[in-house]
N, C-alpha and C. Protein backbone atom coordinates (compact mmCIF):
# COMPACT_ATOMS: atom_id res chain seq x y z
N MET A 1 69.40 149.05 169.27
CA MET A 1 68.78 150.01 169.32
C MET A 1 69.69 151.31 168.58
N PHE A 2 71.02 150.88 168.96
CA PHE A 2 71.94 151.79 168.24
C PHE A 2 72.95 151.23 167.61
N SER A 3 72.14 150.14 166.48
CA SER A 3 72.88 149.44 165.28
C SER A 3 73.32 150.01 164.04
N LEU A 4 74.25 150.30 163.27
CA LEU A 4 74.59 150.72 162.12
C LEU A 4 73.13 150.77 161.24
N LYS A 5 72.74 149.65 161.14
CA LYS A 5 71.76 149.32 160.22
C LYS A 5 70.17 150.19 160.43
N ALA A 6 69.82 150.43 161.82
CA ALA A 6 68.81 150.97 162.53
C ALA A 6 68.53 152.66 162.41
N PHE A 7 70.36 152.88 162.13
CA PHE A 7 70.64 154.24 162.34
C PHE A 7 70.82 154.99 160.85
N ALA A 8 70.74 153.93 160.15
CA ALA A 8 71.00 154.29 158.48
C ALA A 8 69.57 154.35 157.83
N ASP A 9 68.36 153.19 158.81
CA ASP A 9 67.11 153.33 158.14
C ASP A 9 66.54 155.02 158.85
N HIS A 10 67.13 154.99 160.38
CA HIS A 10 66.38 156.31 160.37
C HIS A 10 66.51 157.66 160.10
N LEU A 11 67.90 157.28 159.44
CA LEU A 11 68.49 158.79 158.86
C LEU A 11 67.66 158.47 157.31
N LEU A 12 67.68 157.10 156.86
CA LEU A 12 66.93 157.36 155.56
C LEU A 12 65.11 157.93 155.75
N GLN A 13 64.60 157.74 156.76
CA GLN A 13 62.96 158.41 156.89
C GLN A 13 63.27 159.74 157.24
N MET A 14 64.05 160.18 157.63
CA MET A 14 64.53 161.67 157.96
C MET A 14 64.67 162.57 156.70
N ARG A 15 65.10 161.68 155.63
CA ARG A 15 65.02 162.55 153.86
C ARG A 15 64.25 163.70 153.42
N ARG A 16 63.40 163.77 154.11
CA ARG A 16 62.55 164.53 154.10
C ARG A 16 62.62 165.81 154.63
N TYR A 17 63.46 165.89 155.79
CA TYR A 17 63.53 166.91 156.92
C TYR A 17 65.14 167.61 155.99
N PHE A 18 65.94 166.38 155.17
CA PHE A 18 67.03 166.78 155.31
C PHE A 18 66.95 167.89 153.36
N ALA A 19 65.99 167.16 152.92
CA ALA A 19 66.29 168.06 151.68
C ALA A 19 65.54 169.56 152.02
N PHE A 20 64.54 169.66 152.96
CA PHE A 20 64.41 170.91 153.71
C PHE A 20 64.94 171.59 153.99
N SER A 21 66.25 171.23 155.18
CA SER A 21 67.01 171.43 155.50
C SER A 21 68.17 172.08 154.08
N ALA A 22 68.06 171.32 153.59
CA ALA A 22 69.11 172.01 151.87
C ALA A 22 68.65 173.20 151.57
N ILE A 23 67.25 173.15 151.45
CA ILE A 23 66.28 174.33 151.09
C ILE A 23 66.69 175.46 151.43
N LEU A 24 65.87 175.06 152.68
CA LEU A 24 66.80 176.95 154.00
C LEU A 24 68.19 177.24 153.41
N PHE A 25 69.11 176.41 153.76
CA PHE A 25 70.36 176.48 153.73
C PHE A 25 70.84 177.53 152.06
N PHE A 26 70.16 176.85 150.99
CA PHE A 26 70.61 177.11 149.89
C PHE A 26 69.94 178.65 149.59
N ALA A 27 68.31 178.70 150.08
CA ALA A 27 68.02 179.75 149.82
C ALA A 27 68.38 181.32 151.01
N GLY A 28 68.99 180.83 151.58
CA GLY A 28 70.05 181.71 152.51
C GLY A 28 71.03 181.97 151.61
N VAL A 29 71.50 181.15 151.03
CA VAL A 29 72.68 181.79 150.45
C VAL A 29 71.92 182.77 148.94
N ILE A 30 71.05 182.57 148.39
CA ILE A 30 70.98 183.21 147.23
C ILE A 30 70.20 184.70 148.08
N VAL A 31 69.42 184.52 149.31
CA VAL A 31 69.51 186.07 149.80
C VAL A 31 70.12 186.71 149.93
N GLY A 32 71.51 185.97 150.62
CA GLY A 32 72.94 186.72 151.23
C GLY A 32 73.48 187.03 150.00
N GLY A 33 73.22 186.76 148.59
CA GLY A 33 74.13 187.07 147.60
C GLY A 33 73.23 188.02 146.76
N THR A 34 72.37 188.49 147.12
CA THR A 34 71.20 188.85 146.26
C THR A 34 71.29 190.42 146.40
N ASN A 35 70.42 190.25 148.19
CA ASN A 35 69.76 190.78 149.01
C ASN A 35 70.23 192.28 149.57
N SER A 36 70.47 193.48 149.45
CA SER A 36 71.63 194.38 150.52
C SER A 36 71.00 194.75 151.24
N ALA A 37 69.43 194.39 151.63
CA ALA A 37 68.63 194.46 152.66
C ALA A 37 69.84 194.20 154.05
N PHE A 38 70.39 193.14 153.87
CA PHE A 38 70.53 192.86 155.03
C PHE A 38 72.46 192.66 155.02
N GLU A 39 72.96 193.81 154.39
CA GLU A 39 74.42 194.17 154.04
C GLU A 39 75.06 194.21 155.55
N GLY A 40 74.41 195.01 156.52
CA GLY A 40 75.28 195.65 157.45
C GLY A 40 75.52 194.81 158.36
N TYR A 41 74.57 193.69 159.00
CA TYR A 41 74.58 192.35 159.64
C TYR A 41 75.75 191.56 159.17
N LEU A 42 75.15 191.43 157.78
CA LEU A 42 76.23 190.28 157.12
C LEU A 42 77.99 190.83 157.41
N ASP A 43 78.17 192.22 157.06
CA ASP A 43 79.60 192.52 157.16
C ASP A 43 79.52 192.53 158.65
N SER A 44 79.40 192.64 159.66
CA SER A 44 79.40 192.41 161.21
C SER A 44 80.07 190.84 161.12
N GLN A 45 78.95 190.34 160.59
CA GLN A 45 79.42 188.87 160.79
C GLN A 45 80.74 188.14 160.08
N LEU A 46 81.40 189.00 159.37
CA LEU A 46 82.08 188.55 158.22
C LEU A 46 83.53 189.36 159.38
N GLN A 47 82.96 190.52 159.79
CA GLN A 47 84.24 190.92 160.62
C GLN A 47 84.36 189.88 161.70
N GLY A 48 83.75 189.60 162.26
CA GLY A 48 83.77 188.71 163.67
C GLY A 48 84.68 187.64 163.28
N ILE A 49 83.84 186.81 161.93
CA ILE A 49 84.75 185.82 161.53
C ILE A 49 86.35 186.02 161.32
N GLY A 50 86.87 187.46 160.51
CA GLY A 50 88.00 187.75 160.38
C GLY A 50 88.64 188.26 161.62
N GLU A 51 88.21 188.41 163.30
CA GLU A 51 88.66 188.76 164.21
C GLU A 51 88.83 187.38 164.61
N ILE A 52 88.15 186.13 164.93
CA ILE A 52 88.71 185.14 164.84
C ILE A 52 89.95 184.47 164.24
N ALA A 53 89.95 184.36 162.88
CA ALA A 53 91.19 184.40 162.28
C ALA A 53 92.07 184.86 162.71
N GLY A 54 91.98 186.25 163.00
CA GLY A 54 93.08 186.50 163.50
C GLY A 54 93.97 186.17 164.97
N MET A 55 93.02 185.59 165.69
CA MET A 55 93.23 185.16 166.97
C MET A 55 93.78 183.89 167.12
N ILE A 56 93.37 183.26 165.99
CA ILE A 56 93.98 181.77 165.43
C ILE A 56 95.45 182.20 164.59
N ASN A 57 95.78 182.74 163.63
CA ASN A 57 96.60 183.14 163.26
C ASN A 57 97.87 183.44 164.42
N ASN A 58 97.58 183.96 165.21
CA ASN A 58 98.85 184.91 166.70
C ASN A 58 98.73 183.77 167.77
N ALA A 59 98.15 182.31 167.46
CA ALA A 59 98.21 181.47 168.61
C ALA A 59 99.02 180.62 168.70
N SER A 60 99.97 180.05 169.26
CA SER A 60 101.61 179.42 169.24
C SER A 60 101.59 177.72 168.62
N ASN A 61 100.47 178.03 168.39
CA ASN A 61 100.31 176.58 167.67
C ASN A 61 99.04 176.78 166.43
N PRO A 62 99.45 177.78 165.61
CA PRO A 62 97.73 178.06 165.31
C PRO A 62 96.98 176.65 164.43
N THR A 63 97.62 175.32 163.81
CA THR A 63 97.04 174.59 163.26
C THR A 63 96.29 173.91 164.48
N LEU A 64 96.65 173.26 165.03
CA LEU A 64 95.52 172.50 166.51
C LEU A 64 95.35 173.19 166.88
N PHE A 65 95.40 174.76 167.60
CA PHE A 65 94.20 175.69 167.76
C PHE A 65 92.79 175.81 167.01
N MET A 66 93.29 176.16 165.86
CA MET A 66 92.48 175.79 164.42
C MET A 66 91.51 174.91 164.77
N LEU A 67 92.31 173.38 164.52
CA LEU A 67 91.52 172.43 164.45
C LEU A 67 90.43 172.31 165.96
N VAL A 68 90.94 172.12 166.78
CA VAL A 68 90.02 172.50 168.53
C VAL A 68 88.84 173.80 168.56
N PHE A 69 89.36 175.03 168.04
CA PHE A 69 87.93 175.55 167.57
C PHE A 69 87.11 175.41 167.05
N ILE A 70 87.64 174.74 165.69
CA ILE A 70 86.52 174.92 164.81
C ILE A 70 85.52 173.19 165.26
N PHE A 71 86.26 172.40 165.39
CA PHE A 71 85.73 171.15 166.02
C PHE A 71 84.91 171.78 166.94
N LEU A 72 85.35 172.47 168.35
CA LEU A 72 83.86 172.72 169.01
C LEU A 72 82.99 173.82 168.74
N ASN A 73 83.60 174.42 167.87
CA ASN A 73 82.55 175.49 167.47
C ASN A 73 81.14 174.54 167.16
N ASN A 74 81.95 173.78 165.95
CA ASN A 74 80.60 173.52 165.14
C ASN A 74 79.87 172.18 165.88
N THR A 75 80.35 171.28 166.61
CA THR A 75 79.70 170.66 167.25
C THR A 75 78.89 170.67 168.50
N ILE A 76 79.27 171.93 168.84
CA ILE A 76 78.74 172.40 170.15
C ILE A 76 77.36 173.06 169.34
N LYS A 77 78.16 174.00 168.60
CA LYS A 77 76.20 174.42 167.98
C LYS A 77 75.63 173.29 167.22
N SER A 78 75.89 172.18 167.05
CA SER A 78 75.04 170.97 166.14
C SER A 78 74.22 170.77 166.80
N VAL A 79 74.80 170.26 168.73
CA VAL A 79 73.75 169.77 169.35
C VAL A 79 73.25 170.84 169.99
N LEU A 80 73.34 171.97 170.06
CA LEU A 80 72.50 173.61 170.25
C LEU A 80 70.83 172.92 169.44
N VAL A 81 71.44 173.50 168.05
CA VAL A 81 70.45 173.60 166.90
C VAL A 81 69.81 172.11 166.99
N ILE A 82 70.07 170.95 167.63
CA ILE A 82 69.32 170.15 167.31
C ILE A 82 68.43 170.31 168.46
N TYR A 83 68.70 170.07 169.65
CA TYR A 83 67.66 170.33 170.69
C TYR A 83 67.03 171.72 171.02
N LEU A 84 67.38 172.76 170.61
CA LEU A 84 66.74 174.45 170.57
C LEU A 84 65.82 173.60 169.91
N GLY A 85 65.89 173.32 168.79
CA GLY A 85 64.91 172.89 167.64
C GLY A 85 63.65 171.97 168.45
N ALA A 86 63.57 172.13 169.86
CA ALA A 86 62.37 171.71 170.40
C ALA A 86 61.55 172.95 170.47
N ALA A 87 61.99 173.99 170.72
CA ALA A 87 61.04 175.20 170.38
C ALA A 87 60.30 175.49 169.39
N PHE A 88 59.87 174.53 168.51
CA PHE A 88 58.88 174.73 167.31
C PHE A 88 60.17 175.17 165.97
N GLY A 89 61.16 174.48 166.23
CA GLY A 89 62.13 174.30 164.92
C GLY A 89 63.18 175.79 164.37
N VAL A 90 62.21 176.70 165.08
CA VAL A 90 63.07 178.30 165.22
C VAL A 90 64.06 178.06 164.89
N ALA A 91 65.35 177.43 165.70
CA ALA A 91 66.44 177.25 165.82
C ALA A 91 67.45 176.81 164.72
N PRO A 92 67.15 175.62 164.35
CA PRO A 92 67.30 175.71 162.86
C PRO A 92 67.12 176.10 161.64
N LEU A 93 65.77 176.68 161.59
CA LEU A 93 65.47 177.45 160.83
C LEU A 93 66.38 178.78 160.06
N LEU A 94 66.62 179.37 161.97
CA LEU A 94 67.26 180.52 161.48
C LEU A 94 68.88 180.36 160.79
N PHE A 95 69.05 179.40 162.05
CA PHE A 95 71.07 178.91 162.20
C PHE A 95 70.99 178.41 160.65
N LEU A 96 70.23 177.65 159.85
CA LEU A 96 70.29 177.77 158.24
C LEU A 96 70.08 178.77 157.12
N LEU A 97 69.33 179.81 157.50
CA LEU A 97 69.17 180.85 156.89
C LEU A 97 70.10 181.56 157.13
N LEU A 98 70.80 181.87 158.26
CA LEU A 98 71.79 182.74 158.38
C LEU A 98 73.02 182.50 157.94
N ASN A 99 73.42 181.48 158.45
CA ASN A 99 74.69 180.85 157.67
C ASN A 99 74.57 180.53 156.13
N GLY A 100 73.58 180.55 155.26
CA GLY A 100 73.22 180.60 153.73
C GLY A 100 73.78 181.82 153.48
N MET A 101 72.96 182.74 154.44
CA MET A 101 73.03 184.46 153.94
C MET A 101 74.75 184.59 154.48
N ILE A 102 75.77 184.16 154.92
CA ILE A 102 76.94 184.54 154.91
C ILE A 102 77.81 184.58 154.13
N LEU A 103 77.53 182.74 153.51
CA LEU A 103 78.01 182.11 152.59
C LEU A 103 77.88 182.81 151.22
N GLY A 104 76.50 183.18 150.93
CA GLY A 104 76.11 184.03 149.53
C GLY A 104 76.92 185.36 149.71
N TYR A 105 76.85 185.76 150.58
CA TYR A 105 77.16 187.21 150.84
C TYR A 105 78.82 187.68 150.66
N LEU A 106 79.12 186.09 151.11
CA LEU A 106 81.12 186.84 150.98
C LEU A 106 81.20 186.31 149.74
N PHE A 107 80.05 185.28 148.98
CA PHE A 107 80.93 185.15 147.27
C PHE A 107 80.41 186.16 146.78
N THR A 108 79.33 186.91 147.28
CA THR A 108 79.19 187.97 146.03
C THR A 108 79.99 189.35 146.29
N SER A 109 80.59 189.81 147.87
CA SER A 109 81.74 190.63 148.21
C SER A 109 82.79 190.27 147.30
N MET A 110 83.25 188.86 147.50
CA MET A 110 84.32 188.62 146.29
C MET A 110 84.38 189.25 145.22
N GLU A 111 83.56 188.67 144.26
CA GLU A 111 83.11 188.98 142.99
C GLU A 111 83.26 190.49 142.68
N GLU A 112 82.39 191.36 143.75
CA GLU A 112 82.43 192.74 143.10
C GLU A 112 83.72 193.49 143.52
N THR A 113 84.68 192.54 144.48
CA THR A 113 85.85 193.36 144.44
C THR A 113 87.27 192.43 143.48
N GLY A 114 86.72 192.05 142.74
CA GLY A 114 87.56 191.39 141.40
C GLY A 114 87.95 189.90 142.29
N GLN A 115 88.09 189.40 143.11
CA GLN A 115 88.37 188.43 143.82
C GLN A 115 87.80 186.94 142.93
N ASN A 116 88.43 186.22 142.74
CA ASN A 116 87.94 184.95 141.98
C ASN A 116 86.99 184.12 143.15
N ALA A 117 85.89 184.41 143.25
CA ALA A 117 84.90 183.47 144.05
C ALA A 117 84.29 182.20 144.08
N ALA A 118 85.09 181.66 142.41
CA ALA A 118 84.50 180.03 141.91
C ALA A 118 85.99 179.19 142.72
N ALA A 119 87.35 180.24 142.39
CA ALA A 119 88.22 179.80 142.73
C ALA A 119 88.78 179.32 144.68
N MET A 120 87.99 180.66 145.09
CA MET A 120 87.71 180.24 146.54
C MET A 120 86.83 179.43 146.92
N PHE A 121 85.65 179.23 146.30
CA PHE A 121 84.69 177.60 146.73
C PHE A 121 85.47 176.97 146.52
N LEU A 122 86.03 176.45 145.06
CA LEU A 122 87.20 175.50 145.64
C LEU A 122 87.83 174.82 146.57
N LYS A 123 88.60 175.90 146.46
CA LYS A 123 89.86 175.83 147.90
C LYS A 123 89.48 176.00 148.87
N GLY A 124 88.89 176.83 149.69
CA GLY A 124 88.66 177.10 150.48
C GLY A 124 87.28 176.82 151.54
N ILE A 125 86.14 176.22 150.27
CA ILE A 125 84.47 175.07 150.60
C ILE A 125 85.17 174.07 150.75
N VAL A 126 84.92 173.65 149.80
CA VAL A 126 84.85 171.80 148.91
C VAL A 126 85.96 171.49 150.06
N PRO A 127 87.16 171.50 150.17
CA PRO A 127 87.70 170.24 150.63
C PRO A 127 86.76 169.82 152.34
N HIS A 128 86.88 170.69 152.92
CA HIS A 128 85.80 170.30 154.54
C HIS A 128 84.35 170.96 154.27
N GLY A 129 84.24 171.08 153.34
CA GLY A 129 82.88 171.37 153.49
C GLY A 129 81.59 170.67 152.70
N ILE A 130 82.03 169.11 151.60
CA ILE A 130 81.51 168.00 151.86
C ILE A 130 81.49 167.28 152.67
N ILE A 131 82.30 167.48 154.14
CA ILE A 131 81.81 166.80 155.16
C ILE A 131 80.94 168.16 155.79
N GLU A 132 81.65 169.10 156.40
CA GLU A 132 80.90 169.96 157.03
C GLU A 132 79.17 170.30 157.35
N ILE A 133 78.99 170.86 155.94
CA ILE A 133 77.97 171.31 155.12
C ILE A 133 76.94 170.29 155.52
N PRO A 134 77.43 169.29 154.55
CA PRO A 134 75.96 167.96 155.40
C PRO A 134 75.78 167.35 156.95
N ALA A 135 76.79 167.44 157.11
CA ALA A 135 76.74 167.32 158.94
C ALA A 135 75.87 168.27 159.32
N ILE A 136 76.20 169.62 159.34
CA ILE A 136 74.87 170.75 159.75
C ILE A 136 73.72 170.37 159.19
N LEU A 137 73.62 169.81 158.11
CA LEU A 137 71.98 169.92 157.48
C LEU A 137 71.76 168.91 158.27
N ILE A 138 72.60 167.59 158.44
CA ILE A 138 71.61 166.54 159.13
C ILE A 138 71.34 166.93 160.71
N ALA A 139 72.07 167.75 161.34
CA ALA A 139 71.82 168.49 162.75
C ALA A 139 70.54 169.02 162.29
N CYS A 140 70.14 170.15 161.63
CA CYS A 140 69.48 171.23 161.70
C CYS A 140 67.96 170.46 161.22
N ALA A 141 67.69 168.73 160.48
CA ALA A 141 66.91 168.41 160.44
C ALA A 141 66.53 167.95 161.06
N TYR A 142 67.25 167.64 162.34
CA TYR A 142 66.66 166.62 163.35
C TYR A 142 66.28 167.86 164.52
N GLY A 143 66.57 168.88 164.37
CA GLY A 143 66.34 170.21 165.29
C GLY A 143 64.97 170.30 164.35
N LEU A 144 64.63 170.05 163.24
CA LEU A 144 63.02 171.06 162.82
C LEU A 144 62.55 169.42 162.94
N LYS A 145 62.91 168.15 162.86
CA LYS A 145 61.80 167.50 162.89
C LYS A 145 61.44 167.26 164.74
N PHE A 146 62.36 167.60 165.50
CA PHE A 146 61.91 167.92 167.01
C PHE A 146 61.12 169.17 166.94
N GLY A 147 61.00 170.15 166.26
CA GLY A 147 60.00 171.08 166.13
C GLY A 147 59.05 170.62 165.80
N MET A 148 58.82 170.11 164.73
CA MET A 148 57.39 169.48 164.56
C MET A 148 56.44 169.03 165.65
N LEU A 149 57.44 167.69 166.19
CA LEU A 149 57.00 167.01 167.25
C LEU A 149 56.84 167.97 168.08
N SER A 150 57.01 169.35 168.48
CA SER A 150 56.54 169.61 169.65
C SER A 150 55.29 170.45 169.42
N LEU A 151 55.20 170.70 167.99
CA LEU A 151 54.07 171.44 167.84
C LEU A 151 52.99 170.37 167.66
N ARG A 152 52.56 169.22 167.52
CA ARG A 152 52.35 167.91 167.05
C ARG A 152 51.97 167.67 168.56
N ALA A 153 52.49 168.04 169.41
CA ALA A 153 52.68 167.79 170.94
C ALA A 153 51.76 168.74 171.76
N VAL A 154 51.88 170.24 171.09
CA VAL A 154 50.59 171.11 171.59
C VAL A 154 48.68 170.90 171.06
N GLY A 155 49.30 170.56 169.62
CA GLY A 155 48.03 169.79 169.02
C GLY A 155 47.24 168.86 169.64
N SER A 156 47.83 167.75 170.32
CA SER A 156 47.33 166.72 171.20
C SER A 156 47.19 167.19 172.65
N LEU A 157 47.43 168.14 172.80
CA LEU A 157 47.00 168.87 174.07
C LEU A 157 45.05 169.16 173.48
N ILE A 158 44.53 168.71 172.15
CA ILE A 158 43.45 169.55 171.81
C ILE A 158 42.98 167.75 171.54
N SER A 159 43.68 167.10 170.99
CA SER A 159 43.11 166.12 170.03
C SER A 159 43.08 164.55 171.39
N ARG A 160 44.37 165.22 172.09
CA ARG A 160 44.17 164.18 173.12
C ARG A 160 44.90 163.01 172.46
N ASP A 161 45.65 163.11 172.01
CA ASP A 161 46.76 162.18 171.25
C ASP A 161 47.71 161.47 172.19
N LYS A 162 47.62 160.53 172.76
CA LYS A 162 48.66 159.63 173.91
C LYS A 162 49.79 159.80 173.40
N GLY A 163 49.89 159.45 172.32
CA GLY A 163 50.84 158.18 171.08
C GLY A 163 52.15 159.52 171.08
N ILE A 164 51.92 160.88 170.90
CA ILE A 164 52.54 161.57 170.92
C ILE A 164 53.93 161.68 171.91
N GLY A 165 54.09 161.41 173.12
CA GLY A 165 54.94 161.75 174.35
C GLY A 165 55.59 160.30 174.11
N LYS A 166 55.43 159.07 173.39
CA LYS A 166 56.40 157.97 173.41
C LYS A 166 57.05 158.14 171.96
N GLU A 167 56.46 159.01 171.10
CA GLU A 167 56.61 159.60 169.67
C GLU A 167 58.54 160.36 169.80
N TYR A 168 57.77 161.03 171.15
CA TYR A 168 58.94 162.17 171.12
C TYR A 168 60.10 161.63 172.06
N GLU A 169 59.65 160.28 172.83
CA GLU A 169 60.98 159.92 173.73
C GLU A 169 61.58 158.92 172.95
N PHE A 170 61.16 158.49 172.06
CA PHE A 170 61.96 157.66 170.83
C PHE A 170 62.59 158.36 170.24
N PHE A 171 62.06 159.30 169.00
CA PHE A 171 63.51 160.34 168.29
C PHE A 171 64.00 160.85 169.26
N ALA A 172 64.22 161.30 170.68
CA ALA A 172 65.16 162.14 171.36
C ALA A 172 66.26 160.59 171.62
N VAL A 173 65.61 159.55 171.79
CA VAL A 173 66.76 158.28 172.12
C VAL A 173 67.32 158.54 170.67
N ARG A 174 66.91 158.81 169.36
CA ARG A 174 67.53 158.39 168.19
C ARG A 174 68.69 159.38 167.91
N THR A 175 68.49 160.49 168.80
CA THR A 175 69.11 161.80 168.64
C THR A 175 70.82 161.37 168.97
N VAL A 176 70.84 160.96 169.89
CA VAL A 176 72.15 160.26 170.63
C VAL A 176 73.24 159.33 169.48
N PRO A 177 73.01 158.68 168.98
CA PRO A 177 74.07 158.29 167.79
C PRO A 177 74.08 158.98 166.42
N VAL A 178 73.44 160.05 166.39
CA VAL A 178 73.44 160.82 165.28
C VAL A 178 74.42 161.78 165.90
N ILE A 179 74.28 162.30 167.19
CA ILE A 179 75.31 163.34 167.66
C ILE A 179 76.80 162.60 167.79
N VAL A 180 76.81 161.30 167.75
CA VAL A 180 78.03 160.74 167.68
C VAL A 180 78.58 160.66 166.37
N PHE A 181 77.55 160.51 165.23
CA PHE A 181 78.14 160.28 163.96
C PHE A 181 78.71 161.65 163.72
N LEU A 182 77.81 162.79 164.36
CA LEU A 182 78.21 164.35 163.80
C LEU A 182 79.64 164.53 164.46
N ALA A 183 79.57 164.42 165.65
CA ALA A 183 81.19 164.74 166.15
C ALA A 183 82.20 164.16 165.37
N VAL A 184 82.58 162.89 165.25
CA VAL A 184 83.23 162.04 164.28
C VAL A 184 83.17 162.97 163.06
N ALA A 185 82.19 162.97 162.30
CA ALA A 185 82.46 164.27 160.73
C ALA A 185 82.66 165.11 161.16
N LEU A 186 81.98 165.90 162.09
CA LEU A 186 83.09 167.33 162.37
C LEU A 186 84.48 167.34 162.72
N LEU A 187 84.62 166.37 163.29
CA LEU A 187 86.11 166.19 163.22
C LEU A 187 87.21 166.25 162.53
N ALA A 188 86.72 165.24 161.32
CA ALA A 188 87.54 165.24 160.31
C ALA A 188 87.05 166.19 159.22
N ALA A 189 86.06 166.99 159.15
CA ALA A 189 86.09 168.22 158.82
C ALA A 189 86.78 169.51 159.10
N ALA A 190 87.18 169.36 160.37
CA ALA A 190 87.95 170.69 161.23
C ALA A 190 89.54 169.96 161.11
N VAL A 191 89.83 168.82 160.93
CA VAL A 191 91.32 168.14 160.66
C VAL A 191 91.16 168.61 159.18
N ILE A 192 90.79 168.32 157.86
CA ILE A 192 90.64 168.99 156.96
C ILE A 192 90.95 170.85 156.62
N GLU A 193 89.78 171.33 157.23
CA GLU A 193 89.88 172.69 157.00
C GLU A 193 91.29 173.54 157.68
N SER A 194 91.63 172.73 158.39
CA SER A 194 92.45 172.96 159.67
C SER A 194 94.20 173.00 158.50
N THR A 195 94.12 171.88 158.01
CA THR A 195 95.01 171.32 157.19
C THR A 195 95.45 171.60 155.62
N VAL A 196 94.26 170.67 155.16
CA VAL A 196 94.32 170.79 153.60
C VAL A 196 93.60 172.14 153.38
N THR A 197 92.98 172.91 153.93
CA THR A 197 91.75 173.70 152.95
C THR A 197 93.25 175.20 153.36
N VAL A 198 93.77 175.13 154.43
CA VAL A 198 94.79 176.49 154.73
C VAL A 198 95.92 176.03 153.63
N TRP A 199 96.62 174.93 153.31
CA TRP A 199 97.84 174.75 152.25
C TRP A 199 97.27 175.24 150.92
N LEU A 200 95.76 174.89 150.60
CA LEU A 200 95.15 174.97 149.44
C LEU A 200 95.40 177.03 149.15
N LEU A 201 94.54 177.29 150.18
CA LEU A 201 94.61 178.60 150.22
C LEU A 201 96.09 179.18 150.12
N SER A 202 96.91 178.67 150.57
CA SER A 202 97.94 180.01 150.78
C SER A 202 98.74 179.05 149.32
N LEU A 203 98.45 178.62 148.51
CA LEU A 203 99.02 178.62 146.86
C LEU A 203 98.45 179.29 145.96
């Protein structure tokens, strides 16, 4: 049931949801980078991130603390966004849009203050982001699929489609190896972010 081939096949079947997750994320990047209506909210989010960074820097072992914090934060959020997606996909949809908006707003703010946003992207996002962002997109894709199944389940009350229950159960079982995969991927991303990314940003 949890063979590598079965896992890969199921990921392939989810490709439309992955694509939709990517579209939502990059739509958020564009909105955050171009729409000033959300400036107050996004500023508060960046301030919160800054406070967390300060807490990490003041730790007795900043590298280890950062690694553990990032790993747990991303993994817990990924698991939550998968299963909270059962509430009609609202959680993963908002998660993708808001995180994209924060990223877009950050780069726009850097450009406006004369900083090199491109260099920041290459040094501060790419090293760990090539693992972390796809992992987050996968988690949200599964959350969106859960939401779609919930909508179909509501519809089945009218159509009396008894097959949706088995499909829901099958999909829920399939999320188990996905969570294991995401945990491993996010651990690797956290290691890179707490070491390589920090080193690159210090150059």
